[in-house]
């Protein structure tokens, strides 16, 4: 692996870590405030969207 590829890999890992931590903090805040109602609605909407997308694109 070249130096450029290793640098890109390291940058990607750092960005993924930061975004993951931010997403977890947001999720914990939503769960603490609304007792999973908002998160449950989000999961249902996202799941229905993914299933719909799969049906339409086949």
N, C-alpha and C. Protein backbone atom coordinates (compact mmCIF):
# COMPACT_ATOMS: atom_id res chain seq x y z
N UNK A 1 0.86 -1.16 0.00
CA UNK A 1 0.00 0.00 0.00
C UNK A 1 0.90 1.23 0.00
N UNK A 2 0.62 2.14 -0.90
CA UNK A 2 1.41 3.36 -0.99
C UNK A 2 1.06 4.35 0.11
N UNK A 3 1.87 5.38 0.22
CA UNK A 3 1.67 6.40 1.24
C UNK A 3 0.35 7.15 1.04
N UNK A 4 0.00 7.40 -0.23
CA UNK A 4 -1.24 8.10 -0.52
C UNK A 4 -2.45 7.26 -0.12
N UNK A 5 -2.40 5.98 -0.43
CA UNK A 5 -3.51 5.09 -0.08
C UNK A 5 -3.64 4.96 1.43
N UNK A 6 -2.53 4.86 2.14
CA UNK A 6 -2.58 4.76 3.60
C UNK A 6 -3.14 6.03 4.21
N UNK A 7 -2.78 7.18 3.67
CA UNK A 7 -3.31 8.45 4.17
C UNK A 7 -4.80 8.57 3.94
N UNK A 8 -5.25 8.13 2.76
CA UNK A 8 -6.68 8.15 2.46
C UNK A 8 -7.44 7.21 3.38
N UNK A 9 -6.88 6.06 3.64
CA UNK A 9 -7.50 5.09 4.53
C UNK A 9 -7.60 5.65 5.95
N UNK A 10 -6.54 6.27 6.42
CA UNK A 10 -6.55 6.85 7.76
C UNK A 10 -7.57 7.99 7.86
N UNK A 11 -7.62 8.84 6.86
CA UNK A 11 -8.58 9.94 6.86
C UNK A 11 -10.01 9.40 6.86
N UNK A 12 -10.26 8.40 6.04
CA UNK A 12 -11.58 7.78 5.99
C UNK A 12 -11.99 7.19 7.33
N UNK A 13 -11.04 6.55 8.02
CA UNK A 13 -11.33 5.97 9.33
C UNK A 13 -11.66 7.05 10.36
N UNK A 14 -10.92 8.15 10.32
CA UNK A 14 -11.17 9.24 11.27
C UNK A 14 -12.52 9.87 11.00
N UNK A 15 -12.84 10.12 9.75
CA UNK A 15 -14.14 10.73 9.41
C UNK A 15 -15.28 9.79 9.80
N UNK A 16 -15.13 8.49 9.54
CA UNK A 16 -16.16 7.53 9.91
C UNK A 16 -16.36 7.50 11.42
N UNK A 17 -15.29 7.58 12.17
CA UNK A 17 -15.37 7.60 13.63
C UNK A 17 -16.11 8.84 14.13
N UNK A 18 -15.77 9.99 13.60
CA UNK A 18 -16.41 11.24 14.02
C UNK A 18 -17.90 11.23 13.68
N UNK A 19 -18.24 10.81 12.48
CA UNK A 19 -19.65 10.76 12.07
C UNK A 19 -20.41 9.73 12.91
N UNK A 20 -19.80 8.60 13.19
CA UNK A 20 -20.44 7.59 14.03
C UNK A 20 -20.72 8.08 15.43
N UNK A 21 -19.75 8.77 16.02
CA UNK A 21 -19.94 9.33 17.36
C UNK A 21 -21.05 10.37 17.35
N UNK A 22 -21.08 11.22 16.34
CA UNK A 22 -22.13 12.24 16.24
C UNK A 22 -23.51 11.59 16.08
N UNK A 23 -23.59 10.54 15.28
CA UNK A 23 -24.87 9.85 15.08
C UNK A 23 -25.34 9.20 16.38
N UNK A 24 -24.42 8.59 17.12
CA UNK A 24 -24.80 7.97 18.39
C UNK A 24 -25.26 9.00 19.41
N UNK A 25 -24.59 10.14 19.45
CA UNK A 25 -25.00 11.19 20.39
C UNK A 25 -26.40 11.70 20.04
N UNK A 26 -26.66 11.88 18.74
CA UNK A 26 -27.99 12.32 18.30
C UNK A 26 -29.04 11.27 18.66
N UNK A 27 -28.75 10.01 18.40
CA UNK A 27 -29.69 8.94 18.72
C UNK A 27 -29.97 8.89 20.21
N UNK A 28 -28.94 9.00 21.04
CA UNK A 28 -29.16 8.98 22.49
C UNK A 28 -30.00 10.17 22.94
N UNK A 29 -29.79 11.32 22.34
CA UNK A 29 -30.59 12.50 22.70
C UNK A 29 -32.05 12.31 22.31
N UNK A 30 -32.29 11.75 21.13
CA UNK A 30 -33.67 11.51 20.68
C UNK A 30 -34.35 10.49 21.59
N UNK A 31 -33.65 9.42 21.91
CA UNK A 31 -34.22 8.39 22.77
C UNK A 31 -34.52 8.93 24.17
N UNK A 32 -33.62 9.74 24.70
CA UNK A 32 -33.82 10.29 26.04
C UNK A 32 -35.01 11.25 26.09
N UNK A 33 -35.24 11.98 25.02
CA UNK A 33 -36.32 12.96 25.01
C UNK A 33 -37.68 12.34 24.71
N UNK A 34 -37.75 11.40 23.79
CA UNK A 34 -39.06 10.99 23.29
C UNK A 34 -39.39 9.52 23.47
N UNK A 35 -38.64 8.82 24.29
CA UNK A 35 -38.95 7.44 24.64
C UNK A 35 -39.14 6.53 23.42
N UNK A 36 -38.29 6.64 22.47
CA UNK A 36 -38.22 5.78 21.29
C UNK A 36 -39.35 5.97 20.28
N UNK A 37 -40.31 6.84 20.54
CA UNK A 37 -41.40 7.04 19.58
C UNK A 37 -40.86 7.60 18.27
N UNK A 38 -40.06 8.65 18.36
CA UNK A 38 -39.50 9.27 17.16
C UNK A 38 -38.56 8.30 16.45
N UNK A 39 -37.72 7.60 17.21
CA UNK A 39 -36.80 6.65 16.61
C UNK A 39 -37.55 5.50 15.96
N UNK A 40 -38.61 5.03 16.60
CA UNK A 40 -39.42 3.96 16.03
C UNK A 40 -40.07 4.39 14.72
N UNK A 41 -40.60 5.61 14.69
CA UNK A 41 -41.21 6.13 13.46
C UNK A 41 -40.16 6.26 12.35
N UNK A 42 -38.97 6.72 12.73
CA UNK A 42 -37.88 6.85 11.77
C UNK A 42 -37.51 5.47 11.19
N UNK A 43 -37.40 4.48 12.05
CA UNK A 43 -37.05 3.13 11.58
C UNK A 43 -38.13 2.57 10.66
N UNK A 44 -39.38 2.75 11.02
CA UNK A 44 -40.47 2.28 10.17
C UNK A 44 -40.46 2.97 8.81
N UNK A 45 -40.28 4.29 8.81
CA UNK A 45 -40.25 5.03 7.55
C UNK A 45 -39.06 4.62 6.70
N UNK A 46 -37.90 4.49 7.31
CA UNK A 46 -36.72 4.09 6.56
C UNK A 46 -36.86 2.68 6.02
N UNK A 47 -37.36 1.77 6.85
CA UNK A 47 -37.57 0.39 6.41
C UNK A 47 -38.55 0.30 5.25
N UNK A 48 -39.66 1.04 5.35
CA UNK A 48 -40.64 1.04 4.27
C UNK A 48 -40.05 1.63 2.99
N UNK A 49 -39.23 2.66 3.15
CA UNK A 49 -38.58 3.27 1.98
C UNK A 49 -37.63 2.30 1.30
N UNK A 50 -36.84 1.58 2.08
CA UNK A 50 -35.89 0.62 1.51
C UNK A 50 -36.63 -0.51 0.82
N UNK A 51 -37.68 -1.03 1.45
CA UNK A 51 -38.46 -2.10 0.82
C UNK A 51 -39.11 -1.59 -0.45
N UNK A 52 -39.67 -0.39 -0.41
CA UNK A 52 -40.27 0.19 -1.61
C UNK A 52 -39.26 0.38 -2.72
N UNK A 53 -38.08 0.85 -2.37
CA UNK A 53 -37.02 1.04 -3.36
C UNK A 53 -36.65 -0.30 -4.00
N UNK A 54 -36.52 -1.34 -3.21
CA UNK A 54 -36.17 -2.66 -3.72
C UNK A 54 -37.25 -3.20 -4.65
N UNK A 55 -38.50 -2.97 -4.33
CA UNK A 55 -39.59 -3.44 -5.17
C UNK A 55 -39.61 -2.68 -6.49
N UNK A 56 -39.40 -1.36 -6.45
CA UNK A 56 -39.46 -0.54 -7.65
C UNK A 56 -38.28 -0.80 -8.58
N UNK A 57 -37.10 -1.05 -8.02
CA UNK A 57 -35.91 -1.18 -8.86
C UNK A 57 -35.67 -2.59 -9.38
N UNK A 58 -36.50 -3.51 -9.04
CA UNK A 58 -36.33 -4.89 -9.55
C UNK A 58 -36.97 -5.06 -10.88
